[in-house]
Amino acid sequence: MSGLSLPQLIAVAALPLLFAIIVHEVAHGWVAKQLGDATAQRLGRLTLNPIKHIDPIGTILVPGLLLLLGGFIFGWAKPVPVTWENLRHPKRDMAIVAAAGPGSNFVMAILWGLLAKLGSVLPAGYDWAALPMQYMGQFGIVINVVLMVLNLLPLPPLDGGRVAVGLLPGPMAWQLSRLEPYGFFILLGLLATGLLGYILGPPVHLIERLIFMLVGL
């Protein structure tokens, strides 16, 4: 994708990025509903309508700046509210709800891979569709795998932190949960120092290669 101009890059990146962030949040709300908490549904958040989910900073400003700078791209939407007291088994179910977001990114990465594969096998004369499908599909793989691995870091308030809190014994879970007010600042520090790339790079590249192999790219 290095040969694309900035407008072309935005054109192929916008849809995968929006889906990656929005479906991630909807997955949290949908799984919470299955486990007894309909808060997200009552607030109209179980929808793919981007207006319901867009965070001006996390969905537009941050990804846009990172895209312009050509660096590590990530973003977020407005978190889907979950009332943990409504869940049937709150500690366990919160871990399942948290895992649903990264799980949805993994499924989307495979689906975008299938789109890229379809673009690569279109017959001659369909270049107008084939190349955009390939570029969009490849970007869809990358952004979803990055968001999945990033969110699986065991750092509250990331999903991986909530999963860890749900799985750890009580005292250890409580100690980890105390990091939540500082988690975002820790993440920014890792990003600013370049350590985040070193942490995420190996698993991201491994999963990307597996998906490319799975879909035959």
Protein backbone atom coordinates (compact mmCIF):
# COMPACT_ATOMS: atom_id res chain seq x y z
CA MET A 1 0.00 0.00 0.00
CA SER A 2 3.05 2.24 -0.03
CA GLY A 3 2.26 3.33 -3.59
CA LEU A 4 -1.09 4.87 -2.66
CA SER A 5 -1.61 8.60 -2.38
CA LEU A 6 -3.04 9.96 0.86
CA PRO A 7 -6.62 10.31 -0.55
CA GLN A 8 -6.43 6.74 -1.90
CA LEU A 9 -5.13 5.46 1.44
CA ILE A 10 -7.95 7.19 3.31
CA ALA A 11 -10.48 5.75 0.83
CA VAL A 12 -9.38 2.15 1.39
CA ALA A 13 -8.73 2.55 5.13
CA ALA A 14 -11.87 4.38 6.31
CA LEU A 15 -14.37 1.52 6.04
CA PRO A 16 -12.18 -1.22 7.59
CA LEU A 17 -11.19 1.12 10.43
CA LEU A 18 -14.79 2.11 11.20
CA PHE A 19 -15.98 -1.49 11.14
CA ALA A 20 -13.05 -2.65 13.26
CA ILE A 21 -13.83 -0.14 16.00
CA ILE A 22 -17.64 -0.18 15.87
CA VAL A 23 -18.21 -3.94 15.57
CA HIS A 24 -15.74 -4.39 18.43
CA GLU A 25 -17.99 -2.32 20.71
CA VAL A 26 -21.23 -3.86 19.43
CA ALA A 27 -19.78 -7.31 20.19
CA HIS A 28 -19.29 -6.31 23.82
CA GLY A 29 -22.91 -5.17 24.09
CA TRP A 30 -24.36 -8.14 22.22
CA VAL A 31 -22.54 -10.70 24.38
CA ALA A 32 -23.50 -8.79 27.53
CA LYS A 33 -27.15 -9.03 26.44
CA GLN A 34 -26.84 -12.81 26.00
CA LEU A 35 -25.42 -13.01 29.53
CA GLY A 36 -28.19 -11.00 31.16
CA ASP A 37 -27.37 -7.30 30.76
CA ALA A 38 -29.43 -5.38 28.19
CA THR A 39 -28.00 -1.94 29.05
CA ALA A 40 -26.38 -1.46 25.62
CA GLN A 41 -29.58 -2.48 23.85
CA ARG A 42 -31.71 -0.07 25.91
CA LEU A 43 -29.32 2.76 25.03
CA GLY A 44 -29.47 1.97 21.31
CA ARG A 45 -25.85 0.84 21.09
CA LEU A 46 -26.45 -2.54 19.44
CA THR A 47 -26.32 -0.94 16.00
CA LEU A 48 -23.75 -0.44 13.27
CA ASN A 49 -24.83 3.19 12.90
CA PRO A 50 -21.49 5.00 13.38
CA ILE A 51 -23.18 8.08 14.86
CA LYS A 52 -24.04 6.02 17.94
CA HIS A 53 -20.43 4.96 18.50
CA ILE A 54 -18.04 7.59 17.14
CA ASP A 55 -15.72 9.24 19.62
CA PRO A 56 -14.41 12.43 17.92
CA ILE A 57 -10.93 11.91 19.34
CA GLY A 58 -10.56 8.12 19.32
CA THR A 59 -12.43 7.34 16.10
CA ILE A 60 -11.41 10.31 13.94
CA LEU A 61 -8.61 12.51 15.31
CA VAL A 62 -6.14 9.93 16.64
CA PRO A 63 -6.39 7.42 13.74
CA GLY A 64 -6.29 10.30 11.24
CA LEU A 65 -3.14 11.81 12.72
CA LEU A 66 -1.45 8.41 12.95
CA LEU A 67 -2.41 7.70 9.34
CA LEU A 68 -0.92 11.04 8.24
CA LEU A 69 2.27 10.30 10.19
CA GLY A 70 2.52 6.85 8.65
CA GLY A 71 2.99 5.17 11.99
CA PHE A 72 1.22 2.73 14.28
CA ILE A 73 -2.55 3.06 13.74
CA PHE A 74 -5.16 2.46 16.40
CA GLY A 75 -8.32 4.07 17.67
CA TRP A 76 -11.41 3.55 19.78
CA ALA A 77 -15.13 4.24 19.88
CA LYS A 78 -17.32 5.29 22.79
CA PRO A 79 -17.30 2.29 25.15
CA VAL A 80 -20.51 0.29 25.24
CA PRO A 81 -21.88 0.44 28.80
CA VAL A 82 -22.15 -2.84 30.69
CA THR A 83 -23.90 -3.09 34.06
CA TRP A 84 -21.96 -5.91 35.65
CA GLU A 85 -24.53 -6.42 38.41
CA ASN A 86 -27.05 -7.58 35.77
CA LEU A 87 -24.80 -10.38 34.53
CA ARG A 88 -25.67 -13.88 35.73
CA HIS A 89 -22.13 -14.61 36.90
CA PRO A 90 -20.57 -11.11 37.08
CA LYS A 91 -16.86 -11.93 37.48
CA ARG A 92 -16.79 -14.67 34.86
CA ASP A 93 -19.22 -12.98 32.48
CA MET A 94 -17.32 -9.67 32.49
CA ALA A 95 -14.29 -11.59 31.22
CA ILE A 96 -16.39 -13.14 28.45
CA VAL A 97 -17.88 -9.75 27.52
CA ALA A 98 -14.38 -8.24 27.39
CA ALA A 99 -13.06 -11.07 25.20
CA ALA A 100 -15.89 -10.57 22.70
CA GLY A 101 -14.35 -7.37 21.32
CA PRO A 102 -10.96 -8.83 20.32
CA GLY A 103 -12.77 -11.98 19.16
CA SER A 104 -14.85 -9.91 16.74
CA ASN A 105 -11.66 -8.32 15.38
CA PHE A 106 -10.22 -11.76 14.66
CA VAL A 107 -13.35 -12.78 12.75
CA MET A 108 -13.33 -9.49 10.81
CA ALA A 109 -9.65 -9.94 9.92
CA ILE A 110 -10.52 -13.27 8.30
CA LEU A 111 -13.50 -11.76 6.45
CA TRP A 112 -11.37 -8.89 5.11
CA GLY A 113 -8.81 -11.49 4.06
CA LEU A 114 -11.49 -13.29 2.06
CA LEU A 115 -12.37 -9.97 0.38
CA ALA A 116 -8.71 -9.46 -0.55
CA LYS A 117 -8.58 -13.01 -1.91
CA LEU A 118 -11.70 -12.40 -3.99
CA GLY A 119 -10.11 -9.26 -5.41
CA SER A 120 -7.01 -11.22 -6.39
CA VAL A 121 -8.96 -13.79 -8.43
CA LEU A 122 -11.32 -11.49 -10.32
CA PRO A 123 -11.02 -11.97 -14.09
CA ALA A 124 -9.34 -9.49 -16.42
CA GLY A 125 -11.38 -6.37 -17.01
CA TYR A 126 -12.31 -5.94 -13.36
CA ASP A 127 -9.16 -4.08 -12.28
CA TRP A 128 -11.31 -1.14 -11.22
CA ALA A 129 -12.71 -3.38 -8.44
CA ALA A 130 -9.91 -5.88 -7.93
CA LEU A 131 -7.22 -3.51 -6.66
CA PRO A 132 -9.47 -1.57 -4.23
CA MET A 133 -10.76 -4.89 -2.85
CA GLN A 134 -7.22 -6.17 -2.33
CA TYR A 135 -5.99 -2.97 -0.69
CA MET A 136 -9.09 -2.65 1.49
CA GLY A 137 -8.92 -6.30 2.47
CA GLN A 138 -5.24 -6.11 3.37
CA PHE A 139 -5.77 -3.00 5.47
CA GLY A 140 -8.75 -4.69 7.12
CA ILE A 141 -6.52 -7.58 8.16
CA VAL A 142 -3.85 -5.29 9.55
CA ILE A 143 -6.09 -2.93 11.54
CA ASN A 144 -8.18 -5.73 13.03
CA VAL A 145 -5.17 -7.78 14.08
CA VAL A 146 -3.51 -4.71 15.61
CA LEU A 147 -6.67 -3.82 17.55
CA MET A 148 -7.12 -7.41 18.67
CA VAL A 149 -3.58 -7.80 19.99
CA LEU A 150 -3.55 -4.31 21.51
CA ASN A 151 -6.79 -4.92 23.37
CA LEU A 152 -5.58 -8.28 24.67
CA LEU A 153 -2.74 -6.66 26.62
CA PRO A 154 -3.40 -7.51 30.31
CA LEU A 155 -3.71 -3.85 31.26
CA PRO A 156 -7.00 -2.41 32.57
CA PRO A 157 -9.04 -0.78 31.10
CA LEU A 158 -8.10 -2.72 27.95
CA ASP A 159 -10.13 -5.85 27.29
CA GLY A 160 -7.18 -8.07 28.16
CA GLY A 161 -6.99 -6.42 31.56
CA ARG A 162 -10.67 -7.10 32.19
CA VAL A 163 -10.25 -10.71 31.07
CA ALA A 164 -7.30 -11.10 33.45
CA VAL A 165 -9.29 -9.56 36.32
CA GLY A 166 -12.07 -12.06 35.61
CA LEU A 167 -9.72 -15.04 35.59
CA LEU A 168 -7.32 -14.21 38.44
CA PRO A 169 -8.02 -15.11 42.09
CA GLY A 170 -9.70 -12.36 44.12
CA PRO A 171 -6.68 -10.60 45.71
CA MET A 172 -4.64 -10.66 42.49
CA ALA A 173 -7.63 -9.49 40.46
CA TRP A 174 -8.18 -6.59 42.87
CA GLN A 175 -4.52 -5.53 42.66
CA LEU A 176 -4.61 -5.57 38.85
CA SER A 177 -7.92 -3.67 38.74
CA ARG A 178 -6.31 -0.83 40.71
CA LEU A 179 -4.24 -0.02 37.61
CA GLU A 180 -7.34 0.98 35.62
CA PRO A 181 -7.14 4.76 36.30
CA TYR A 182 -3.54 4.74 35.04
CA GLY A 183 -3.88 2.24 32.18
CA PHE A 184 -4.36 4.81 29.42
CA PHE A 185 -1.32 6.81 30.56
CA ILE A 186 0.78 3.64 30.71
CA LEU A 187 -0.33 2.86 27.16
CA LEU A 188 0.58 6.36 25.97
CA GLY A 189 3.98 5.99 27.63
CA LEU A 190 4.60 2.70 25.85
CA LEU A 191 3.56 4.29 22.55
CA ALA A 192 5.73 7.40 23.03
CA THR A 193 8.82 5.34 23.90
CA GLY A 194 8.34 2.90 21.03
CA LEU A 195 8.02 -0.04 23.42
CA LEU A 196 4.44 -0.68 22.32
CA GLY A 197 5.62 -1.57 18.82
CA TYR A 198 8.17 -4.02 20.21
CA ILE A 199 5.50 -5.66 22.37
CA LEU A 200 2.82 -5.89 19.71
CA GLY A 201 5.01 -6.46 16.64
CA PRO A 202 5.79 -10.20 16.94
CA PRO A 203 2.23 -11.43 17.71
CA VAL A 204 0.71 -9.05 15.15
CA HIS A 205 3.04 -10.25 12.37
CA LEU A 206 2.50 -13.89 13.32
CA ILE A 207 -1.30 -13.65 13.26
CA GLU A 208 -1.23 -11.66 10.02
CA ARG A 209 0.86 -14.36 8.37
CA LEU A 210 -1.50 -17.06 9.62
CA ILE A 211 -4.52 -15.23 8.20
CA PHE A 212 -2.80 -14.62 4.87
CA MET A 213 -2.02 -18.35 4.73
CA LEU A 214 -5.57 -19.28 5.77
CA VAL A 215 -7.20 -17.28 2.97
CA GLY A 216 -4.53 -18.19 0.42
CA LEU A 217 -2.96 -14.77 -0.17
